[in-house]
């Protein structure tokens, strides 16, 4: 596995994390009729033209490359809620936005105003990167979405760096971190926690030499032998 031979490296490479993100489900709209596909991890289909279906991201990208579908971006990749449908749901969610459905502009504002990480999909960076590379024409306002995503990434990475500067054994419960962010701190956090653990054990371990010096001498009743001079 990448990084295992070098303790200064992260455990996984960016390519490996992107590979794992391929199992995330996305929605596609096929443009042809196709029988079900059977895989070890699950079965998908049958597919019918213009009827949405959920498939893993890797399969969606493969079908997209062959011109067999369009990919619907996840709801969180919208910039103003325009991916929500039908119209009455858009109006309702604008007035009463449910938790977890914030658009990118809202997420960026919350990230800047808070020290905490905002809820986003665990593989949001990898999902967005794959869609930008292979399905950009399917993303409304693609350039704005990409700009907001990169801004969110930069703000969150800055939080990671700030948290690492204040890292202690009691501040390791960081919530809502993404896969790439966890990977950045994985090696450092592991070594730091080992150092904290070793330091605490050294402080608690008794000093055996001093304990031996402080032990009382047990008197003996045996008579002393006089040594004969040579």
C-alpha atoms as a PDB file:
ATOM      1  CA  UNK A   1       0.000   0.000   0.000  1.00  0.00           C
ATOM      2  CA  UNK A   2       1.289   3.472  -0.844  1.00  0.00           C
ATOM      3  CA  UNK A   3       2.968   5.251   2.010  1.00  0.00           C
ATOM      4  CA  UNK A   4       3.548   2.204   4.218  1.00  0.00           C
ATOM      5  CA  UNK A   5       7.257   2.105   3.461  1.00  0.00           C
ATOM      6  CA  UNK A   6       7.739   5.757   4.386  1.00  0.00           C
ATOM      7  CA  UNK A   7       6.382   6.940   7.727  1.00  0.00           C
ATOM      8  CA  UNK A   8       6.462  10.555   6.503  1.00  0.00           C
ATOM      9  CA  UNK A   9       3.890   9.832   3.792  1.00  0.00           C
ATOM     10  CA  UNK A  10       0.136   9.496   4.064  1.00  0.00           C
ATOM     11  CA  UNK A  11      -1.328   6.024   4.152  1.00  0.00           C
ATOM     12  CA  UNK A  12      -3.139   6.333   0.806  1.00  0.00           C
ATOM     13  CA  UNK A  13      -2.245   8.168  -2.377  1.00  0.00           C
ATOM     14  CA  UNK A  14      -4.788  10.581  -3.949  1.00  0.00           C
ATOM     15  CA  UNK A  15      -5.346   8.044  -6.720  1.00  0.00           C
ATOM     16  CA  UNK A  16      -6.195   5.313  -4.239  1.00  0.00           C
ATOM     17  CA  UNK A  17      -8.682   7.552  -2.430  1.00  0.00           C
ATOM     18  CA  UNK A  18     -10.277   8.437  -5.765  1.00  0.00           C
ATOM     19  CA  UNK A  19     -10.540   4.720  -6.546  1.00  0.00           C
ATOM     20  CA  UNK A  20     -12.403   4.115  -3.260  1.00  0.00           C
ATOM     21  CA  UNK A  21     -14.740   7.022  -4.022  1.00  0.00           C
ATOM     22  CA  UNK A  22     -15.835   5.186  -7.163  1.00  0.00           C
ATOM     23  CA  UNK A  23     -18.202   3.074  -5.045  1.00  0.00           C
ATOM     24  CA  UNK A  24     -20.332   6.111  -4.133  1.00  0.00           C
ATOM     25  CA  UNK A  25     -23.772   5.995  -5.743  1.00  0.00           C
ATOM     26  CA  UNK A  26     -24.832   8.658  -8.232  1.00  0.00           C
ATOM     27  CA  UNK A  27     -27.860   9.085 -10.467  1.00  0.00           C
ATOM     28  CA  UNK A  28     -27.663   8.666 -14.220  1.00  0.00           C
ATOM     29  CA  UNK A  29     -30.182   9.091 -17.050  1.00  0.00           C
ATOM     30  CA  UNK A  30     -29.546   6.437 -19.721  1.00  0.00           C
ATOM     31  CA  UNK A  31     -30.206   7.237 -23.370  1.00  0.00           C
ATOM     32  CA  UNK A  32     -30.655   3.596 -24.454  1.00  0.00           C
ATOM     33  CA  UNK A  33     -32.223   0.371 -23.308  1.00  0.00           C
ATOM     34  CA  UNK A  34     -29.851  -2.051 -21.611  1.00  0.00           C
ATOM     35  CA  UNK A  35     -30.206  -5.243 -19.590  1.00  0.00           C
ATOM     36  CA  UNK A  36     -29.129  -5.493 -15.974  1.00  0.00           C
ATOM     37  CA  UNK A  37     -25.424  -5.545 -15.168  1.00  0.00           C
ATOM     38  CA  UNK A  38     -24.202  -8.051 -12.591  1.00  0.00           C
ATOM     39  CA  UNK A  39     -21.148  -7.345 -10.472  1.00  0.00           C
ATOM     40  CA  UNK A  40     -19.606  -8.772  -7.300  1.00  0.00           C
ATOM     41  CA  UNK A  41     -20.655  -5.709  -5.308  1.00  0.00           C
ATOM     42  CA  UNK A  42     -24.207  -5.621  -6.638  1.00  0.00           C
ATOM     43  CA  UNK A  43     -26.566  -5.693  -9.611  1.00  0.00           C
ATOM     44  CA  UNK A  44     -27.658  -2.562 -11.490  1.00  0.00           C
ATOM     45  CA  UNK A  45     -30.378  -2.107 -14.070  1.00  0.00           C
ATOM     46  CA  UNK A  46     -32.193  -2.819 -16.245  1.00  0.00           C
ATOM     47  CA  UNK A  47     -31.791   0.575 -17.852  1.00  0.00           C
ATOM     48  CA  UNK A  48     -34.416   2.380 -19.921  1.00  0.00           C
ATOM     49  CA  UNK A  49     -34.097   5.628 -21.896  1.00  0.00           C
ATOM     50  CA  UNK A  50     -34.803   8.773 -19.886  1.00  0.00           C
ATOM     51  CA  UNK A  51     -35.511   6.825 -16.675  1.00  0.00           C
ATOM     52  CA  UNK A  52     -33.103   7.752 -13.877  1.00  0.00           C
ATOM     53  CA  UNK A  53     -31.163   4.974 -12.146  1.00  0.00           C
ATOM     54  CA  UNK A  54     -28.604   4.821  -9.372  1.00  0.00           C
ATOM     55  CA  UNK A  55     -25.217   3.259 -10.096  1.00  0.00           C
ATOM     56  CA  UNK A  56     -21.720   3.478  -8.591  1.00  0.00           C
ATOM     57  CA  UNK A  57     -19.702   6.459  -9.704  1.00  0.00           C
ATOM     58  CA  UNK A  58     -17.156   4.303 -11.545  1.00  0.00           C
ATOM     59  CA  UNK A  59     -19.942   2.735 -13.625  1.00  0.00           C
ATOM     60  CA  UNK A  60     -21.514   6.127 -14.301  1.00  0.00           C
ATOM     61  CA  UNK A  61     -18.176   7.422 -15.595  1.00  0.00           C
ATOM     62  CA  UNK A  62     -17.684   4.332 -17.748  1.00  0.00           C
ATOM     63  CA  UNK A  63     -21.148   4.678 -19.321  1.00  0.00           C
ATOM     64  CA  UNK A  64     -20.644   8.421 -19.768  1.00  0.00           C
ATOM     65  CA  UNK A  65     -17.376   7.861 -21.634  1.00  0.00           C
ATOM     66  CA  UNK A  66     -19.246   5.588 -24.045  1.00  0.00           C
ATOM     67  CA  UNK A  67     -22.005   8.171 -24.567  1.00  0.00           C
ATOM     68  CA  UNK A  68     -24.671   5.961 -23.013  1.00  0.00           C
ATOM     69  CA  UNK A  69     -25.940   8.283 -20.280  1.00  0.00           C
ATOM     70  CA  UNK A  70     -25.830  11.670 -18.632  1.00  0.00           C
ATOM     71  CA  UNK A  71     -24.902  12.045 -14.966  1.00  0.00           C
ATOM     72  CA  UNK A  72     -27.012  14.042 -12.555  1.00  0.00           C
ATOM     73  CA  UNK A  73     -24.784  15.967 -10.141  1.00  0.00           C
ATOM     74  CA  UNK A  74     -25.469  15.377  -6.434  1.00  0.00           C
ATOM     75  CA  UNK A  75     -27.690  17.931  -4.720  1.00  0.00           C
ATOM     76  CA  UNK A  76     -24.811  19.356  -2.684  1.00  0.00           C
ATOM     77  CA  UNK A  77     -23.056  20.393  -5.924  1.00  0.00           C
ATOM     78  CA  UNK A  78     -25.659  23.084  -6.645  1.00  0.00           C
ATOM     79  CA  UNK A  79     -24.859  26.755  -6.107  1.00  0.00           C
ATOM     80  CA  UNK A  80     -28.374  28.064  -5.475  1.00  0.00           C
ATOM     81  CA  UNK A  81     -30.671  25.067  -5.103  1.00  0.00           C
ATOM     82  CA  UNK A  82     -31.522  24.826  -8.801  1.00  0.00           C
ATOM     83  CA  UNK A  83     -30.931  21.082  -8.877  1.00  0.00           C
ATOM     84  CA  UNK A  84     -33.970  20.524  -6.674  1.00  0.00           C
ATOM     85  CA  UNK A  85     -37.165  19.528  -8.438  1.00  0.00           C
ATOM     86  CA  UNK A  86     -40.054  19.939  -8.911  1.00  0.00           C
ATOM     87  CA  UNK A  87     -40.664  23.655  -8.589  1.00  0.00           C
ATOM     88  CA  UNK A  88     -42.792  23.547  -5.446  1.00  0.00           C
ATOM     89  CA  UNK A  89     -39.973  21.660  -3.651  1.00  0.00           C
ATOM     90  CA  UNK A  90     -37.551  24.396  -4.594  1.00  0.00           C
ATOM     91  CA  UNK A  91     -39.826  27.051  -3.087  1.00  0.00           C
ATOM     92  CA  UNK A  92     -40.390  24.946   0.026  1.00  0.00           C
ATOM     93  CA  UNK A  93     -36.682  24.251   0.590  1.00  0.00           C
ATOM     94  CA  UNK A  94     -35.746  27.899   0.077  1.00  0.00           C
ATOM     95  CA  UNK A  95     -38.183  28.894   2.819  1.00  0.00           C
ATOM     96  CA  UNK A  96     -37.463  25.882   5.062  1.00  0.00           C
ATOM     97  CA  UNK A  97     -34.026  24.527   4.105  1.00  0.00           C
ATOM     98  CA  UNK A  98     -33.621  21.018   5.538  1.00  0.00           C
ATOM     99  CA  UNK A  99     -30.322  20.044   7.221  1.00  0.00           C
ATOM    100  CA  UNK A 100     -27.747  18.516   4.913  1.00  0.00           C
ATOM    101  CA  UNK A 101     -29.100  20.136   1.718  1.00  0.00           C
ATOM    102  CA  UNK A 102     -27.118  23.375   1.830  1.00  0.00           C
ATOM    103  CA  UNK A 103     -25.784  24.468  -1.525  1.00  0.00           C
ATOM    104  CA  UNK A 104     -22.095  25.212  -2.079  1.00  0.00           C
ATOM    105  CA  UNK A 105     -22.415  28.955  -1.490  1.00  0.00           C
ATOM    106  CA  UNK A 106     -24.015  28.340   1.903  1.00  0.00           C
ATOM    107  CA  UNK A 107     -21.412  25.720   2.818  1.00  0.00           C
ATOM    108  CA  UNK A 108     -18.569  28.086   1.943  1.00  0.00           C
ATOM    109  CA  UNK A 109     -20.062  30.848   4.082  1.00  0.00           C
ATOM    110  CA  UNK A 110     -20.525  28.467   7.016  1.00  0.00           C
ATOM    111  CA  UNK A 111     -16.989  27.118   6.631  1.00  0.00           C
ATOM    112  CA  UNK A 112     -15.563  30.623   6.805  1.00  0.00           C
ATOM    113  CA  UNK A 113     -17.673  31.628   9.809  1.00  0.00           C
ATOM    114  CA  UNK A 114     -17.071  28.527  11.922  1.00  0.00           C
ATOM    115  CA  UNK A 115     -14.071  26.660  13.304  1.00  0.00           C
ATOM    116  CA  UNK A 116     -15.944  23.374  12.808  1.00  0.00           C
ATOM    117  CA  UNK A 117     -16.071  21.384   9.576  1.00  0.00           C
ATOM    118  CA  UNK A 118     -19.432  21.517   7.823  1.00  0.00           C
ATOM    119  CA  UNK A 119     -21.180  18.261   6.841  1.00  0.00           C
ATOM    120  CA  UNK A 120     -20.184  17.192   3.341  1.00  0.00           C
ATOM    121  CA  UNK A 121     -19.940  13.769   1.681  1.00  0.00           C
ATOM    122  CA  UNK A 122     -16.857  11.866   2.851  1.00  0.00           C
ATOM    123  CA  UNK A 123     -15.543  11.779  -0.745  1.00  0.00           C
ATOM    124  CA  UNK A 124     -16.800  15.189  -1.871  1.00  0.00           C
ATOM    125  CA  UNK A 125     -13.435  16.153  -3.379  1.00  0.00           C
ATOM    126  CA  UNK A 126     -13.028  12.942  -5.346  1.00  0.00           C
ATOM    127  CA  UNK A 127     -16.654  12.918  -6.551  1.00  0.00           C
ATOM    128  CA  UNK A 128     -16.479  16.512  -7.747  1.00  0.00           C
ATOM    129  CA  UNK A 129     -13.115  15.962  -9.439  1.00  0.00           C
ATOM    130  CA  UNK A 130     -14.368  12.930 -11.371  1.00  0.00           C
ATOM    131  CA  UNK A 131     -17.501  14.774 -12.476  1.00  0.00           C
ATOM    132  CA  UNK A 132     -15.493  17.850 -13.516  1.00  0.00           C
ATOM    133  CA  UNK A 133     -13.198  15.632 -15.588  1.00  0.00           C
ATOM    134  CA  UNK A 134     -15.804  13.382 -17.241  1.00  0.00           C
ATOM    135  CA  UNK A 135     -19.235  15.052 -17.038  1.00  0.00           C
ATOM    136  CA  UNK A 136     -18.686  18.791 -17.028  1.00  0.00           C
ATOM    137  CA  UNK A 137     -21.437  19.359 -19.580  1.00  0.00           C
ATOM    138  CA  UNK A 138     -23.918  17.746 -17.160  1.00  0.00           C
ATOM    139  CA  UNK A 139     -23.163  20.216 -14.333  1.00  0.00           C
ATOM    140  CA  UNK A 140     -25.130  23.508 -14.399  1.00  0.00           C
ATOM    141  CA  UNK A 141     -22.815  26.510 -13.887  1.00  0.00           C
ATOM    142  CA  UNK A 142     -19.837  24.154 -13.915  1.00  0.00           C
ATOM    143  CA  UNK A 143     -17.177  26.844 -13.572  1.00  0.00           C
ATOM    144  CA  UNK A 144     -18.908  28.450 -10.605  1.00  0.00           C
ATOM    145  CA  UNK A 145     -19.410  25.043  -8.969  1.00  0.00           C
ATOM    146  CA  UNK A 146     -15.729  24.230  -9.466  1.00  0.00           C
ATOM    147  CA  UNK A 147     -14.668  27.610  -8.042  1.00  0.00           C
ATOM    148  CA  UNK A 148     -16.848  27.185  -4.945  1.00  0.00           C
ATOM    149  CA  UNK A 149     -15.641  23.617  -4.429  1.00  0.00           C
ATOM    150  CA  UNK A 150     -12.007  24.717  -4.601  1.00  0.00           C
ATOM    151  CA  UNK A 151     -12.674  27.581  -2.181  1.00  0.00           C
ATOM    152  CA  UNK A 152     -14.322  25.175   0.271  1.00  0.00           C
ATOM    153  CA  UNK A 153     -11.367  22.813  -0.071  1.00  0.00           C
ATOM    154  CA  UNK A 154      -8.882  25.618   0.641  1.00  0.00           C
ATOM    155  CA  UNK A 155     -10.782  26.848   3.709  1.00  0.00           C
ATOM    156  CA  UNK A 156     -11.061  23.322   5.113  1.00  0.00           C
ATOM    157  CA  UNK A 157      -7.383  22.556   4.466  1.00  0.00           C
ATOM    158  CA  UNK A 158      -6.479  25.746   6.324  1.00  0.00           C
ATOM    159  CA  UNK A 159      -8.546  24.494   9.259  1.00  0.00           C
ATOM    160  CA  UNK A 160      -6.633  21.222   9.148  1.00  0.00           C
ATOM    161  CA  UNK A 161      -3.314  23.067   9.333  1.00  0.00           C
ATOM    162  CA  UNK A 162      -4.581  25.258  12.185  1.00  0.00           C
ATOM    163  CA  UNK A 163      -5.838  22.244  14.123  1.00  0.00           C
ATOM    164  CA  UNK A 164      -2.525  20.448  13.681  1.00  0.00           C
ATOM    165  CA  UNK A 165      -0.727  23.411  15.237  1.00  0.00           C
ATOM    166  CA  UNK A 166      -2.961  23.046  18.309  1.00  0.00           C
ATOM    167  CA  UNK A 167      -2.891  19.261  18.334  1.00  0.00           C
ATOM    168  CA  UNK A 168      -3.049  17.598  21.740  1.00  0.00           C
ATOM    169  CA  UNK A 169      -4.103  14.157  22.910  1.00  0.00           C
ATOM    170  CA  UNK A 170      -7.470  15.556  24.037  1.00  0.00           C
ATOM    171  CA  UNK A 171      -8.407  17.226  20.711  1.00  0.00           C
ATOM    172  CA  UNK A 172      -8.555  14.355  18.248  1.00  0.00           C
ATOM    173  CA  UNK A 173     -12.346  14.166  17.761  1.00  0.00           C
ATOM    174  CA  UNK A 174     -12.675  16.288  14.617  1.00  0.00           C
ATOM    175  CA  UNK A 175     -16.073  15.723  13.018  1.00  0.00           C
ATOM    176  CA  UNK A 176     -17.153  15.907   9.371  1.00  0.00           C
ATOM    177  CA  UNK A 177     -13.682  15.561   7.867  1.00  0.00           C
ATOM    178  CA  UNK A 178     -13.417  14.226   4.333  1.00  0.00           C
ATOM    179  CA  UNK A 179     -11.332  11.279   3.147  1.00  0.00           C
ATOM    180  CA  UNK A 180      -8.550  13.478   1.772  1.00  0.00           C
ATOM    181  CA  UNK A 181      -8.425  15.587   4.933  1.00  0.00           C
ATOM    182  CA  UNK A 182      -8.251  12.497   7.133  1.00  0.00           C
ATOM    183  CA  UNK A 183      -5.490  11.142   4.925  1.00  0.00           C
ATOM    184  CA  UNK A 184      -3.458  14.335   5.353  1.00  0.00           C
ATOM    185  CA  UNK A 185      -3.388  14.085   9.143  1.00  0.00           C
ATOM    186  CA  UNK A 186      -3.410  10.281   9.455  1.00  0.00           C
ATOM    187  CA  UNK A 187       0.348   9.722   9.661  1.00  0.00           C
ATOM    188  CA  UNK A 188       1.042  12.811  11.785  1.00  0.00           C
ATOM    189  CA  UNK A 189      -1.787  12.109  14.210  1.00  0.00           C
ATOM    190  CA  UNK A 190      -0.731   8.507  14.627  1.00  0.00           C
ATOM    191  CA  UNK A 191       2.866   9.439  15.458  1.00  0.00           C
ATOM    192  CA  UNK A 192       1.765  12.270  17.743  1.00  0.00           C
ATOM    193  CA  UNK A 193      -0.572  10.035  19.728  1.00  0.00           C
ATOM    194  CA  UNK A 194       2.173   7.449  20.089  1.00  0.00           C
ATOM    195  CA  UNK A 195       4.497  10.163  21.418  1.00  0.00           C
ATOM    196  CA  UNK A 196       1.850  11.366  23.893  1.00  0.00           C
ATOM    197  CA  UNK A 197       1.245   7.808  25.059  1.00  0.00           C
ATOM    198  CA  UNK A 198       4.966   7.125  25.481  1.00  0.00           C
ATOM    199  CA  UNK A 199       5.498  10.403  27.352  1.00  0.00           C
ATOM    200  CA  UNK A 200       2.619   9.687  29.750  1.00  0.00           C
ATOM    201  CA  UNK A 201       3.893   6.175  30.426  1.00  0.00           C
ATOM    202  CA  UNK A 202       7.390   7.462  31.170  1.00  0.00           C
ATOM    203  CA  UNK A 203       5.991   9.903  33.712  1.00  0.00           C
ATOM    204  CA  UNK A 204       3.927   7.212  35.400  1.00  0.00           C
ATOM    205  CA  UNK A 205       6.618   4.507  35.398  1.00  0.00           C
ATOM    206  CA  UNK A 206       8.417   4.207  38.773  1.00  0.00           C
ATOM    207  CA  UNK A 207      12.148   4.899  39.025  1.00  0.00           C
ATOM    208  CA  UNK A 208      13.480   1.475  40.048  1.00  0.00           C
ATOM    209  CA  UNK A 209      16.950   2.746  41.004  1.00  0.00           C
ATOM    210  CA  UNK A 210      15.564   5.292  43.456  1.00  0.00           C
ATOM    211  CA  UNK A 211      13.170   2.756  44.902  1.00  0.00           C
ATOM    212  CA  UNK A 212      16.033   0.360  45.574  1.00  0.00           C
ATOM    213  CA  UNK A 213      18.012   3.125  47.306  1.00  0.00           C
ATOM    214  CA  UNK A 214      15.063   3.962  49.526  1.00  0.00           C
ATOM    215  CA  UNK A 215      14.428   0.367  50.576  1.00  0.00           C
ATOM    216  CA  UNK A 216      15.275  -0.171  54.291  1.00  0.00           C
ATOM    217  CA  UNK A 217      18.250  -2.350  55.089  1.00  0.00           C
ATOM    218  CA  UNK A 218      17.180  -5.519  56.871  1.00  0.00           C
ATOM    219  CA  UNK A 219      19.409  -6.118  59.943  1.00  0.00           C
ATOM    220  CA  UNK A 220      20.843  -9.578  60.412  1.00  0.00           C
ATOM    221  CA  UNK A 221      21.644 -11.311  63.714  1.00  0.00           C
ATOM    222  CA  UNK A 222      24.499 -13.351  62.329  1.00  0.00           C
ATOM    223  CA  UNK A 223      27.832 -12.826  64.206  1.00  0.00           C
ATOM    224  CA  UNK A 224      30.529 -11.085  62.285  1.00  0.00           C
ATOM    225  CA  UNK A 225      33.574 -13.151  61.421  1.00  0.00           C
ATOM    226  CA  UNK A 226      36.968 -11.722  62.199  1.00  0.00           C
ATOM    227  CA  UNK A 227      39.326 -12.041  59.334  1.00  0.00           C
ATOM    228  CA  UNK A 228      42.735 -13.481  60.173  1.00  0.00           C
ATOM    229  CA  UNK A 229      45.685 -11.391  59.072  1.00  0.00           C
ATOM    230  CA  UNK A 230      47.898 -12.984  56.464  1.00  0.00           C
END
